[in-house]
N, C-alpha and C. Protein backbone atom coordinates (compact mmCIF):
# COMPACT_ATOMS: atom_id res chain seq x y z
N MET A 1 88.41 87.97 84.06
CA MET A 1 88.67 87.94 85.49
C MET A 1 87.85 86.83 86.15
N ILE A 2 88.47 86.17 87.09
CA ILE A 2 87.81 85.10 87.83
C ILE A 2 87.38 85.67 89.18
N VAL A 3 86.07 85.77 89.40
CA VAL A 3 85.54 86.39 90.61
C VAL A 3 85.13 85.32 91.61
N HIS A 4 85.69 85.39 92.81
CA HIS A 4 85.33 84.49 93.91
C HIS A 4 84.52 85.30 94.91
N ASP A 5 83.20 85.24 94.77
CA ASP A 5 82.28 86.04 95.58
C ASP A 5 81.68 85.16 96.68
N PHE A 6 81.94 85.53 97.93
CA PHE A 6 81.48 84.73 99.06
C PHE A 6 80.20 85.29 99.69
N SER A 7 79.52 86.19 98.96
CA SER A 7 78.34 86.86 99.51
C SER A 7 77.26 85.90 99.99
N ASN A 8 77.00 84.86 99.22
CA ASN A 8 75.86 83.99 99.50
C ASN A 8 76.25 82.66 100.14
N GLU A 9 77.51 82.55 100.56
CA GLU A 9 77.94 81.33 101.21
C GLU A 9 77.68 81.41 102.71
N LYS A 10 77.35 80.28 103.31
CA LYS A 10 77.17 80.20 104.76
C LYS A 10 78.54 80.10 105.40
N SER A 11 78.98 81.21 105.96
CA SER A 11 80.35 81.31 106.46
C SER A 11 80.40 82.32 107.60
N ILE A 12 81.41 82.18 108.46
CA ILE A 12 81.63 83.15 109.54
C ILE A 12 81.95 84.52 108.97
N LEU A 13 82.31 84.58 107.69
CA LEU A 13 82.52 85.87 107.04
C LEU A 13 81.31 86.79 107.22
N ASN A 14 80.12 86.20 107.15
CA ASN A 14 78.90 87.00 107.26
C ASN A 14 78.81 87.75 108.60
N GLN A 15 79.26 87.11 109.67
CA GLN A 15 79.24 87.75 110.98
C GLN A 15 80.18 88.95 111.01
N PHE A 16 81.37 88.77 110.44
CA PHE A 16 82.34 89.86 110.44
C PHE A 16 81.85 91.03 109.58
N ILE A 17 81.25 90.71 108.43
CA ILE A 17 80.71 91.76 107.56
C ILE A 17 79.56 92.49 108.25
N LEU A 18 78.69 91.73 108.93
CA LEU A 18 77.58 92.36 109.66
C LEU A 18 78.10 93.37 110.67
N GLU A 19 79.11 92.99 111.43
CA GLU A 19 79.65 93.88 112.46
C GLU A 19 80.30 95.11 111.83
N MET A 20 80.92 94.95 110.67
CA MET A 20 81.54 96.09 110.00
C MET A 20 80.49 97.06 109.46
N ARG A 21 79.34 96.55 109.03
CA ARG A 21 78.29 97.41 108.49
C ARG A 21 77.48 98.09 109.60
N ASP A 22 77.30 97.44 110.74
CA ASP A 22 76.42 97.92 111.80
C ASP A 22 76.91 99.26 112.35
N VAL A 23 76.07 100.28 112.28
CA VAL A 23 76.48 101.64 112.66
C VAL A 23 76.86 101.76 114.13
N SER A 24 76.34 100.86 114.97
CA SER A 24 76.69 100.93 116.38
C SER A 24 77.97 100.17 116.68
N ILE A 25 78.13 98.99 116.08
CA ILE A 25 79.33 98.18 116.33
C ILE A 25 80.56 98.80 115.68
N GLN A 26 80.39 99.42 114.50
CA GLN A 26 81.56 99.94 113.78
C GLN A 26 82.17 101.16 114.48
N LYS A 27 81.52 101.69 115.51
CA LYS A 27 82.11 102.78 116.28
C LYS A 27 83.33 102.31 117.07
N ASP A 28 83.43 101.00 117.29
CA ASP A 28 84.59 100.42 117.96
C ASP A 28 85.66 100.20 116.89
N SER A 29 86.57 101.16 116.74
CA SER A 29 87.55 101.11 115.65
C SER A 29 88.49 99.92 115.77
N MET A 30 88.79 99.50 117.00
CA MET A 30 89.67 98.36 117.16
C MET A 30 89.01 97.08 116.64
N ARG A 31 87.72 96.93 116.94
CA ARG A 31 86.98 95.76 116.43
C ARG A 31 86.83 95.85 114.91
N PHE A 32 86.61 97.05 114.40
CA PHE A 32 86.49 97.23 112.95
C PHE A 32 87.77 96.77 112.26
N ARG A 33 88.92 97.19 112.78
CA ARG A 33 90.20 96.78 112.19
C ARG A 33 90.40 95.28 112.31
N LYS A 34 90.02 94.73 113.45
CA LYS A 34 90.20 93.29 113.67
C LYS A 34 89.35 92.47 112.70
N ASN A 35 88.13 92.94 112.43
CA ASN A 35 87.28 92.22 111.48
C ASN A 35 87.86 92.27 110.07
N ILE A 36 88.43 93.41 109.68
CA ILE A 36 89.11 93.47 108.38
C ILE A 36 90.25 92.47 108.34
N GLU A 37 91.02 92.42 109.41
CA GLU A 37 92.16 91.50 109.48
C GLU A 37 91.70 90.04 109.38
N ARG A 38 90.63 89.71 110.09
CA ARG A 38 90.14 88.33 110.07
C ARG A 38 89.60 87.94 108.70
N ILE A 39 88.93 88.88 108.04
CA ILE A 39 88.45 88.60 106.68
C ILE A 39 89.63 88.40 105.74
N GLY A 40 90.69 89.19 105.94
CA GLY A 40 91.90 89.00 105.15
C GLY A 40 92.49 87.62 105.32
N GLU A 41 92.44 87.09 106.53
CA GLU A 41 92.96 85.75 106.78
C GLU A 41 92.12 84.70 106.04
N ILE A 42 90.81 84.84 106.12
CA ILE A 42 89.94 83.84 105.48
C ILE A 42 90.10 83.87 103.97
N LEU A 43 90.12 85.05 103.38
CA LEU A 43 90.28 85.14 101.94
C LEU A 43 91.67 84.68 101.50
N SER A 44 92.66 84.89 102.34
CA SER A 44 94.01 84.39 102.03
C SER A 44 94.03 82.87 101.99
N PHE A 45 93.34 82.26 102.94
CA PHE A 45 93.26 80.80 102.95
C PHE A 45 92.61 80.29 101.68
N GLU A 46 91.51 80.92 101.27
CA GLU A 46 90.83 80.50 100.04
C GLU A 46 91.74 80.72 98.83
N MET A 47 92.44 81.83 98.79
CA MET A 47 93.35 82.11 97.69
C MET A 47 94.48 81.09 97.62
N SER A 48 94.95 80.65 98.77
CA SER A 48 96.09 79.72 98.81
C SER A 48 95.82 78.43 98.05
N LYS A 49 94.54 78.06 97.94
CA LYS A 49 94.19 76.81 97.26
C LYS A 49 94.46 76.88 95.76
N THR A 50 94.59 78.09 95.21
CA THR A 50 94.78 78.25 93.77
C THR A 50 96.24 78.45 93.40
N LEU A 51 97.14 78.53 94.37
CA LEU A 51 98.55 78.76 94.09
C LEU A 51 99.23 77.49 93.61
N ASN A 52 100.45 77.64 93.12
CA ASN A 52 101.25 76.49 92.70
C ASN A 52 101.94 75.88 93.93
N PHE A 53 102.03 74.57 93.93
CA PHE A 53 102.64 73.87 95.07
C PHE A 53 103.79 72.98 94.59
N LYS A 54 104.72 72.75 95.50
CA LYS A 54 105.84 71.87 95.23
C LYS A 54 106.05 70.92 96.41
N ALA A 55 106.70 69.82 96.13
CA ALA A 55 106.97 68.84 97.19
C ALA A 55 108.17 69.27 98.01
N ALA A 56 108.07 69.08 99.31
CA ALA A 56 109.18 69.37 100.23
C ALA A 56 109.23 68.28 101.28
N VAL A 57 110.42 67.95 101.71
CA VAL A 57 110.61 66.92 102.73
C VAL A 57 111.02 67.60 104.04
N VAL A 58 110.27 67.32 105.10
CA VAL A 58 110.56 67.92 106.40
C VAL A 58 111.01 66.82 107.36
N PRO A 59 112.14 67.03 108.04
CA PRO A 59 112.58 66.03 109.04
C PRO A 59 111.83 66.21 110.35
N THR A 60 111.31 65.13 110.88
CA THR A 60 110.68 65.14 112.20
C THR A 60 111.59 64.37 113.16
N PRO A 61 111.31 64.41 114.45
CA PRO A 61 112.14 63.63 115.39
C PRO A 61 112.13 62.13 115.11
N LEU A 62 111.10 61.65 114.36
CA LEU A 62 110.99 60.21 114.14
C LEU A 62 111.15 59.81 112.67
N GLY A 63 111.48 60.75 111.81
CA GLY A 63 111.66 60.41 110.41
C GLY A 63 111.42 61.60 109.50
N ASN A 64 111.25 61.33 108.22
CA ASN A 64 111.01 62.38 107.23
C ASN A 64 109.58 62.28 106.68
N LYS A 65 109.02 63.42 106.30
CA LYS A 65 107.68 63.46 105.74
C LYS A 65 107.66 64.39 104.54
N GLU A 66 107.13 63.88 103.42
CA GLU A 66 106.98 64.72 102.23
C GLU A 66 105.65 65.45 102.28
N MET A 67 105.69 66.75 101.98
CA MET A 67 104.50 67.58 102.02
C MET A 67 104.47 68.49 100.82
N LEU A 68 103.29 69.05 100.54
CA LEU A 68 103.15 70.04 99.47
C LEU A 68 103.07 71.43 100.08
N ILE A 69 103.91 72.34 99.59
CA ILE A 69 103.92 73.71 100.09
C ILE A 69 103.84 74.67 98.91
N PRO A 70 103.25 75.86 99.10
CA PRO A 70 103.16 76.81 97.99
C PRO A 70 104.53 77.31 97.57
N GLU A 71 104.69 77.53 96.27
CA GLU A 71 105.98 77.97 95.76
C GLU A 71 105.93 79.35 95.09
N ASN A 72 104.77 80.00 95.08
CA ASN A 72 104.66 81.32 94.45
C ASN A 72 105.47 82.36 95.21
N ASP A 73 106.13 83.25 94.46
CA ASP A 73 106.78 84.42 95.04
C ASP A 73 105.75 85.54 95.11
N LEU A 74 105.24 85.82 96.30
CA LEU A 74 104.17 86.79 96.47
C LEU A 74 104.70 88.17 96.81
N VAL A 75 104.08 89.19 96.22
CA VAL A 75 104.27 90.57 96.63
C VAL A 75 102.89 91.10 97.00
N VAL A 76 102.71 91.45 98.27
CA VAL A 76 101.42 91.95 98.76
C VAL A 76 101.48 93.47 98.78
N CYS A 77 100.61 94.10 98.00
CA CYS A 77 100.58 95.57 97.94
C CYS A 77 99.26 96.08 98.48
N SER A 78 99.33 96.94 99.48
CA SER A 78 98.13 97.50 100.08
C SER A 78 98.03 98.99 99.79
N ILE A 79 96.78 99.43 99.58
CA ILE A 79 96.50 100.82 99.27
C ILE A 79 96.29 101.57 100.59
N LEU A 80 97.16 102.52 100.85
CA LEU A 80 97.09 103.28 102.10
C LEU A 80 95.87 104.20 102.09
N ARG A 81 95.22 104.31 103.26
CA ARG A 81 95.57 103.73 104.55
C ARG A 81 94.61 102.62 104.96
N ALA A 82 93.46 102.57 104.27
CA ALA A 82 92.38 101.68 104.69
C ALA A 82 92.75 100.21 104.64
N ALA A 83 93.71 99.86 103.77
CA ALA A 83 94.03 98.44 103.57
C ALA A 83 95.06 97.90 104.56
N LEU A 84 95.54 98.71 105.47
CA LEU A 84 96.57 98.23 106.40
C LEU A 84 96.12 97.05 107.25
N PRO A 85 94.92 97.05 107.84
CA PRO A 85 94.49 95.86 108.59
C PRO A 85 94.34 94.63 107.69
N LEU A 86 93.91 94.84 106.45
CA LEU A 86 93.79 93.74 105.50
C LEU A 86 95.16 93.17 105.18
N HIS A 87 96.13 94.05 105.03
CA HIS A 87 97.52 93.65 104.78
C HIS A 87 98.02 92.75 105.92
N ASN A 88 97.73 93.15 107.14
CA ASN A 88 98.17 92.35 108.29
C ASN A 88 97.54 90.97 108.28
N GLY A 89 96.25 90.90 107.93
CA GLY A 89 95.59 89.61 107.88
C GLY A 89 96.22 88.68 106.85
N ILE A 90 96.58 89.23 105.70
CA ILE A 90 97.21 88.42 104.66
C ILE A 90 98.59 87.95 105.11
N LEU A 91 99.34 88.84 105.75
CA LEU A 91 100.68 88.47 106.22
C LEU A 91 100.62 87.43 107.33
N ASN A 92 99.52 87.34 108.05
CA ASN A 92 99.39 86.30 109.07
C ASN A 92 99.46 84.91 108.45
N PHE A 93 99.08 84.81 107.18
CA PHE A 93 99.13 83.53 106.47
C PHE A 93 100.32 83.44 105.53
N PHE A 94 100.66 84.56 104.87
CA PHE A 94 101.78 84.57 103.92
C PHE A 94 102.90 85.42 104.50
N ASP A 95 103.50 84.94 105.59
CA ASP A 95 104.48 85.72 106.32
C ASP A 95 105.80 85.88 105.59
N ARG A 96 106.01 85.11 104.52
CA ARG A 96 107.26 85.23 103.75
C ARG A 96 107.08 86.09 102.51
N ALA A 97 105.93 86.66 102.33
CA ALA A 97 105.68 87.49 101.15
C ALA A 97 106.46 88.79 101.23
N GLU A 98 106.82 89.32 100.06
CA GLU A 98 107.38 90.65 99.99
C GLU A 98 106.24 91.67 100.12
N ASN A 99 106.60 92.91 100.43
CA ASN A 99 105.58 93.90 100.72
C ASN A 99 105.74 95.15 99.86
N ALA A 100 104.60 95.73 99.50
CA ALA A 100 104.57 96.98 98.77
C ALA A 100 103.43 97.83 99.32
N PHE A 101 103.58 99.15 99.20
CA PHE A 101 102.55 100.06 99.67
C PHE A 101 102.39 101.19 98.66
N ILE A 102 101.15 101.60 98.46
CA ILE A 102 100.86 102.66 97.52
C ILE A 102 99.79 103.57 98.10
N SER A 103 99.94 104.87 97.88
CA SER A 103 98.91 105.81 98.33
C SER A 103 98.03 106.16 97.15
N ALA A 104 96.74 106.13 97.37
CA ALA A 104 95.77 106.50 96.34
C ALA A 104 94.57 107.12 97.04
N TYR A 105 94.16 108.29 96.58
CA TYR A 105 93.03 108.95 97.23
C TYR A 105 92.18 109.66 96.18
N ARG A 106 90.93 109.85 96.54
CA ARG A 106 89.99 110.56 95.66
C ARG A 106 90.15 112.06 95.82
N HIS A 107 90.22 112.74 94.70
CA HIS A 107 90.24 114.19 94.71
C HIS A 107 88.98 114.71 94.02
N HIS A 108 88.12 115.36 94.81
CA HIS A 108 86.87 115.93 94.29
C HIS A 108 87.09 117.43 94.05
N PRO A 109 87.32 117.87 92.83
CA PRO A 109 87.51 119.31 92.58
C PRO A 109 86.26 120.09 92.99
N ASN A 110 86.47 121.13 93.80
CA ASN A 110 85.37 121.99 94.25
C ASN A 110 84.26 121.21 94.95
N ASP A 111 84.66 120.06 95.56
CA ASP A 111 83.72 119.21 96.29
C ASP A 111 82.57 118.73 95.40
N SER A 112 82.84 118.56 94.12
CA SER A 112 81.82 118.06 93.19
C SER A 112 81.72 116.55 93.30
N ASP A 113 80.70 115.96 92.66
CA ASP A 113 80.56 114.51 92.67
C ASP A 113 81.65 113.85 91.83
N ASP A 114 82.10 114.53 90.79
CA ASP A 114 83.16 113.98 89.96
C ASP A 114 84.47 113.96 90.73
N PHE A 115 85.29 112.94 90.46
CA PHE A 115 86.57 112.86 91.15
C PHE A 115 87.61 112.17 90.28
N GLU A 116 88.86 112.38 90.65
CA GLU A 116 89.97 111.67 90.05
C GLU A 116 90.74 110.97 91.16
N VAL A 117 91.36 109.84 90.82
CA VAL A 117 92.15 109.12 91.80
C VAL A 117 93.61 109.54 91.64
N VAL A 118 94.20 110.03 92.72
CA VAL A 118 95.57 110.53 92.70
C VAL A 118 96.48 109.51 93.36
N VAL A 119 97.51 109.09 92.66
CA VAL A 119 98.53 108.18 93.19
C VAL A 119 99.83 108.96 93.24
N ASN A 120 100.40 109.13 94.44
CA ASN A 120 101.64 109.90 94.52
C ASN A 120 102.73 109.23 95.34
N TYR A 121 102.57 107.95 95.65
CA TYR A 121 103.62 107.24 96.40
C TYR A 121 103.50 105.76 96.12
N LEU A 122 104.62 105.13 95.79
CA LEU A 122 104.66 103.68 95.60
C LEU A 122 106.02 103.17 96.07
N ALA A 123 106.01 102.27 97.02
CA ALA A 123 107.23 101.60 97.48
C ALA A 123 107.05 100.11 97.26
N SER A 124 107.84 99.54 96.35
CA SER A 124 107.63 98.15 95.98
C SER A 124 108.91 97.52 95.45
N PRO A 125 109.10 96.24 95.71
CA PRO A 125 110.17 95.52 95.03
C PRO A 125 109.76 95.24 93.59
N SER A 126 110.63 94.63 92.83
CA SER A 126 110.26 94.21 91.48
C SER A 126 109.15 93.16 91.57
N ILE A 127 108.19 93.25 90.64
CA ILE A 127 107.11 92.26 90.59
C ILE A 127 107.26 91.35 89.36
N GLU A 128 108.40 91.46 88.69
CA GLU A 128 108.62 90.69 87.47
C GLU A 128 108.53 89.19 87.74
N GLY A 129 107.58 88.53 87.07
CA GLY A 129 107.42 87.08 87.20
C GLY A 129 106.87 86.61 88.52
N LYS A 130 106.42 87.54 89.36
CA LYS A 130 105.91 87.17 90.68
C LYS A 130 104.38 87.22 90.71
N THR A 131 103.82 86.81 91.83
CA THR A 131 102.37 86.88 92.03
C THR A 131 102.06 88.14 92.82
N LEU A 132 101.35 89.07 92.19
CA LEU A 132 101.02 90.34 92.82
C LEU A 132 99.65 90.24 93.48
N VAL A 133 99.59 90.56 94.77
CA VAL A 133 98.34 90.55 95.52
C VAL A 133 98.00 91.99 95.89
N LEU A 134 96.95 92.53 95.28
CA LEU A 134 96.51 93.89 95.56
C LEU A 134 95.39 93.86 96.58
N THR A 135 95.49 94.69 97.60
CA THR A 135 94.47 94.69 98.65
C THR A 135 93.83 96.07 98.75
N ASP A 136 92.51 96.09 98.69
CA ASP A 136 91.73 97.32 98.81
C ASP A 136 90.39 96.92 99.43
N PRO A 137 90.11 97.32 100.68
CA PRO A 137 88.91 96.82 101.34
C PRO A 137 87.60 97.18 100.65
N MET A 138 87.54 98.35 99.99
CA MET A 138 86.30 98.79 99.34
C MET A 138 86.53 98.94 97.85
N LEU A 139 85.93 98.07 97.06
CA LEU A 139 86.05 98.13 95.60
C LEU A 139 84.79 98.84 95.09
N ALA A 140 84.88 100.15 94.95
CA ALA A 140 83.71 100.95 94.58
C ALA A 140 83.62 101.13 93.07
N THR A 141 84.26 102.16 92.54
CA THR A 141 84.19 102.41 91.10
C THR A 141 85.22 101.60 90.31
N GLY A 142 86.26 101.14 90.98
CA GLY A 142 87.34 100.41 90.30
C GLY A 142 88.45 101.31 89.79
N LYS A 143 88.26 102.64 89.89
CA LYS A 143 89.26 103.57 89.36
C LYS A 143 90.56 103.55 90.16
N THR A 144 90.45 103.30 91.47
CA THR A 144 91.66 103.22 92.28
C THR A 144 92.53 102.07 91.82
N LEU A 145 91.94 100.90 91.65
CA LEU A 145 92.71 99.73 91.20
C LEU A 145 93.26 99.95 89.80
N GLU A 146 92.51 100.64 88.95
CA GLU A 146 93.00 100.94 87.61
C GLU A 146 94.29 101.77 87.68
N ASN A 147 94.29 102.80 88.52
CA ASN A 147 95.46 103.66 88.65
C ASN A 147 96.62 102.96 89.34
N VAL A 148 96.32 102.07 90.27
CA VAL A 148 97.37 101.29 90.92
C VAL A 148 98.05 100.38 89.90
N LEU A 149 97.27 99.75 89.04
CA LEU A 149 97.83 98.89 88.01
C LEU A 149 98.75 99.68 87.08
N LYS A 150 98.35 100.89 86.72
CA LYS A 150 99.19 101.74 85.86
C LYS A 150 100.50 102.08 86.56
N ALA A 151 100.43 102.35 87.87
CA ALA A 151 101.62 102.74 88.62
C ALA A 151 102.65 101.61 88.68
N PHE A 152 102.19 100.38 88.58
CA PHE A 152 103.09 99.24 88.69
C PHE A 152 103.81 98.91 87.39
N LYS A 153 103.48 99.58 86.31
CA LYS A 153 104.08 99.24 85.01
C LYS A 153 105.60 99.36 85.01
N SER A 154 106.12 100.27 85.82
CA SER A 154 107.58 100.46 85.87
C SER A 154 108.27 99.46 86.79
N HIS A 155 107.50 98.57 87.43
CA HIS A 155 108.08 97.61 88.37
C HIS A 155 108.08 96.18 87.85
N GLY A 156 107.76 96.00 86.57
CA GLY A 156 107.79 94.67 85.99
C GLY A 156 106.41 94.14 85.67
N THR A 157 106.41 92.94 85.09
CA THR A 157 105.16 92.27 84.71
C THR A 157 104.96 91.06 85.60
N PRO A 158 103.89 91.05 86.40
CA PRO A 158 103.68 89.90 87.29
C PRO A 158 103.23 88.67 86.52
N LYS A 159 103.51 87.51 87.10
CA LYS A 159 103.04 86.26 86.52
C LYS A 159 101.53 86.14 86.65
N GLN A 160 101.01 86.61 87.76
CA GLN A 160 99.57 86.57 88.00
C GLN A 160 99.20 87.65 89.01
N ILE A 161 97.93 88.07 88.97
CA ILE A 161 97.44 89.10 89.89
C ILE A 161 96.23 88.56 90.65
N HIS A 162 96.24 88.79 91.96
CA HIS A 162 95.09 88.51 92.80
C HIS A 162 94.67 89.82 93.47
N ILE A 163 93.38 90.04 93.59
CA ILE A 163 92.84 91.21 94.28
C ILE A 163 92.01 90.71 95.45
N ILE A 164 92.28 91.25 96.64
CA ILE A 164 91.53 90.88 97.83
C ILE A 164 90.79 92.11 98.35
N SER A 165 89.45 92.01 98.44
CA SER A 165 88.62 93.11 98.90
C SER A 165 87.58 92.61 99.89
N ILE A 166 87.06 93.52 100.67
CA ILE A 166 86.02 93.19 101.65
C ILE A 166 84.64 93.31 101.01
N ILE A 167 84.30 94.52 100.56
CA ILE A 167 83.01 94.78 99.95
C ILE A 167 83.22 95.48 98.61
N GLY A 168 82.49 95.05 97.60
CA GLY A 168 82.58 95.67 96.29
C GLY A 168 81.20 96.01 95.76
N ALA A 169 81.19 96.85 94.72
CA ALA A 169 79.95 97.18 94.02
C ALA A 169 80.01 96.56 92.63
N LYS A 170 78.88 96.08 92.16
CA LYS A 170 78.84 95.43 90.86
C LYS A 170 79.41 96.30 89.74
N PRO A 171 79.07 97.62 89.68
CA PRO A 171 79.64 98.44 88.62
C PRO A 171 81.17 98.49 88.66
N GLY A 172 81.75 98.54 89.85
CA GLY A 172 83.20 98.57 89.98
C GLY A 172 83.85 97.28 89.54
N ILE A 173 83.23 96.17 89.90
CA ILE A 173 83.77 94.87 89.49
C ILE A 173 83.72 94.73 87.98
N GLU A 174 82.61 95.14 87.38
CA GLU A 174 82.50 95.09 85.93
C GLU A 174 83.52 95.99 85.26
N TYR A 175 83.83 97.12 85.89
CA TYR A 175 84.79 98.07 85.33
C TYR A 175 86.19 97.47 85.27
N ILE A 176 86.64 96.85 86.36
CA ILE A 176 88.01 96.32 86.36
C ILE A 176 88.13 95.03 85.55
N GLU A 177 87.01 94.36 85.29
CA GLU A 177 87.07 93.16 84.46
C GLU A 177 87.62 93.47 83.07
N ASP A 178 87.40 94.70 82.60
CA ASP A 178 87.88 95.10 81.28
C ASP A 178 89.30 95.64 81.31
N ILE A 179 89.87 95.81 82.51
CA ILE A 179 91.18 96.43 82.65
C ILE A 179 92.27 95.44 83.03
N PHE A 180 91.94 94.52 83.92
CA PHE A 180 92.94 93.56 84.40
C PHE A 180 93.02 92.35 83.47
N PRO A 181 94.15 91.65 83.48
CA PRO A 181 94.28 90.43 82.65
C PRO A 181 93.19 89.41 82.96
N GLU A 182 92.87 88.58 81.97
CA GLU A 182 91.78 87.62 82.13
C GLU A 182 92.02 86.64 83.27
N ASN A 183 93.27 86.30 83.54
CA ASN A 183 93.55 85.31 84.58
C ASN A 183 93.69 85.94 85.97
N THR A 184 93.29 87.21 86.12
CA THR A 184 93.27 87.85 87.43
C THR A 184 92.17 87.25 88.30
N HIS A 185 92.47 87.02 89.58
CA HIS A 185 91.48 86.50 90.53
C HIS A 185 91.05 87.62 91.47
N LEU A 186 89.75 87.76 91.65
CA LEU A 186 89.20 88.69 92.65
C LEU A 186 88.58 87.88 93.77
N TRP A 187 89.05 88.12 95.00
CA TRP A 187 88.52 87.45 96.19
C TRP A 187 87.78 88.50 97.00
N ILE A 188 86.47 88.32 97.16
CA ILE A 188 85.67 89.37 97.78
C ILE A 188 84.61 88.76 98.69
N ALA A 189 84.44 89.37 99.88
CA ALA A 189 83.56 88.80 100.89
C ALA A 189 82.10 89.15 100.67
N ALA A 190 81.82 90.32 100.06
CA ALA A 190 80.43 90.74 99.85
C ALA A 190 80.36 91.67 98.65
N VAL A 191 79.24 91.61 97.93
CA VAL A 191 79.04 92.46 96.76
C VAL A 191 77.69 93.16 96.87
N ASP A 192 77.71 94.49 96.78
CA ASP A 192 76.48 95.29 96.78
C ASP A 192 76.17 95.74 95.35
N ASP A 193 74.91 96.14 95.13
CA ASP A 193 74.46 96.41 93.76
C ASP A 193 74.84 97.77 93.22
N LYS A 194 74.87 98.81 94.07
CA LYS A 194 74.87 100.17 93.53
C LYS A 194 76.00 101.04 94.09
N LEU A 195 76.17 102.19 93.40
CA LEU A 195 77.01 103.29 93.87
C LEU A 195 76.13 104.54 93.96
N ASN A 196 76.47 105.43 94.90
CA ASN A 196 75.73 106.69 94.93
C ASN A 196 76.37 107.70 93.97
N ASN A 197 75.89 108.93 93.98
CA ASN A 197 76.37 109.93 93.02
C ASN A 197 77.85 110.28 93.20
N ARG A 198 78.37 110.04 94.39
CA ARG A 198 79.78 110.33 94.65
C ARG A 198 80.66 109.10 94.52
N GLY A 199 80.09 108.00 94.05
CA GLY A 199 80.88 106.81 93.80
C GLY A 199 81.14 105.97 95.03
N TYR A 200 80.29 106.06 96.05
CA TYR A 200 80.43 105.22 97.23
C TYR A 200 79.43 104.07 97.17
N ILE A 201 79.82 102.94 97.76
CA ILE A 201 79.03 101.72 97.69
C ILE A 201 77.76 101.86 98.54
N LEU A 202 76.63 101.41 97.97
CA LEU A 202 75.36 101.38 98.68
C LEU A 202 74.86 99.94 98.82
N PRO A 203 74.52 99.49 100.04
CA PRO A 203 74.57 100.24 101.29
C PRO A 203 75.97 100.36 101.90
N GLY A 204 76.90 99.51 101.47
CA GLY A 204 78.29 99.63 101.92
C GLY A 204 78.43 99.64 103.42
N LEU A 205 79.35 100.50 103.90
CA LEU A 205 79.53 100.64 105.34
C LEU A 205 80.10 101.99 105.74
N GLY A 206 80.35 102.85 104.77
CA GLY A 206 80.98 104.13 105.07
C GLY A 206 82.41 104.15 104.59
N ASP A 207 83.23 105.00 105.19
CA ASP A 207 84.63 105.14 104.82
C ASP A 207 85.48 104.22 105.68
N ALA A 208 86.03 103.18 105.07
CA ALA A 208 86.78 102.17 105.84
C ALA A 208 88.02 102.76 106.48
N GLY A 209 88.68 103.71 105.81
CA GLY A 209 89.86 104.34 106.40
C GLY A 209 89.52 105.14 107.63
N ASP A 210 88.46 105.94 107.56
CA ASP A 210 88.04 106.73 108.71
C ASP A 210 87.58 105.84 109.87
N LEU A 211 86.86 104.78 109.56
CA LEU A 211 86.37 103.88 110.60
C LEU A 211 87.51 103.13 111.26
N SER A 212 88.58 102.91 110.53
CA SER A 212 89.73 102.20 111.09
C SER A 212 90.65 103.10 111.89
N PHE A 213 90.88 104.32 111.37
CA PHE A 213 91.96 105.16 111.92
C PHE A 213 91.53 106.56 112.32
N GLY A 214 90.25 106.91 112.16
CA GLY A 214 89.79 108.23 112.55
C GLY A 214 89.60 109.15 111.35
N LEU A 215 88.88 110.24 111.59
CA LEU A 215 88.58 111.20 110.52
C LEU A 215 89.85 111.90 110.05
N LYS A 216 89.86 112.27 108.76
CA LYS A 216 90.98 113.02 108.18
C LYS A 216 90.48 114.37 107.72
N LEU A 217 91.40 115.30 107.55
CA LEU A 217 91.04 116.63 107.06
C LEU A 217 90.63 116.57 105.60
């Protein structure tokens, strides 16, 4: 796996991540969602540099101009519900991409620390020969992405896979490195060192879905 980690780069990304982590600022759910969306735009721009390009001629009022434009057939798949703002940010740049959505949630039997990831919904076009972009704002243990990859087996084999995340934990990144194809790209704005006993990122920022859309039962 090719990891593009922007943690230590001097970038406006740091401001957006700071606001998402700050316990007082993150109470503004609209701003929290907007920061996820903006990070999605920045990571999409960085990802675009690695895509395949082709020559195209565009007519202007004064003549023709040859330009290079991306030619990848993209399918953007977001994990409900936390990834919805991230999905919007990516579509702001890749507005012609096809779309897919999948539900994946942690199930803690008897409220124990151990959990399993349950996937019970997937709506997607064929990904055969296309570029699959998986979006998950919090890459914690990596088990969610593992189960999402398994769910896509019935939808074809993608030409390449990109993963876009906001914050990840080193153990989770190491976990998916052994699961995804070697030419998979991970685009991530920040990486933290640890997970707690329940598999949440430390220091992380909390539950991105709840902070974006409110508490769930």
